[in-house]
Amino acid sequence: MSAAGIPQLDEASKKELEVFLEQEQSKAKLQASIHELTNTSQADIRIIASELGWNTCITGSISSKFSKSEAQCLENCVDRFLDSSLFIVKQIESQKQQL
């Protein structure tokens, strides 16, 4: 449909078209936000998590093998990172479904 055909629509159709366009614009904004968040946040979170995990867990000198406490600490950090990532994905999915 061309823009010239819009004035020929009845008021109900114009309103329906207006609502549809607003919804599509909202979806586009959300998708752009998701794209931005997933591209920057995941990279940032990985860096922060790895630095925090390493700085928190590796307390002794570096050797060929982690100590039992270092390995457990790193495992906990990875688990928290995965839980956080899953939480973020679920929140984004929830927001997307609300549109």
Foldseek 3Di string as FASTA:
>chain_A
DDPVCQVVDDPVVNVVVVVVVVVVVVLVVLVVVVVVCVVPVVVVLVVVLVVCLCVVQPDDDDDPDGDPSSVVSSVVSVVVSVVVVVVVVVVSVVVNVVD
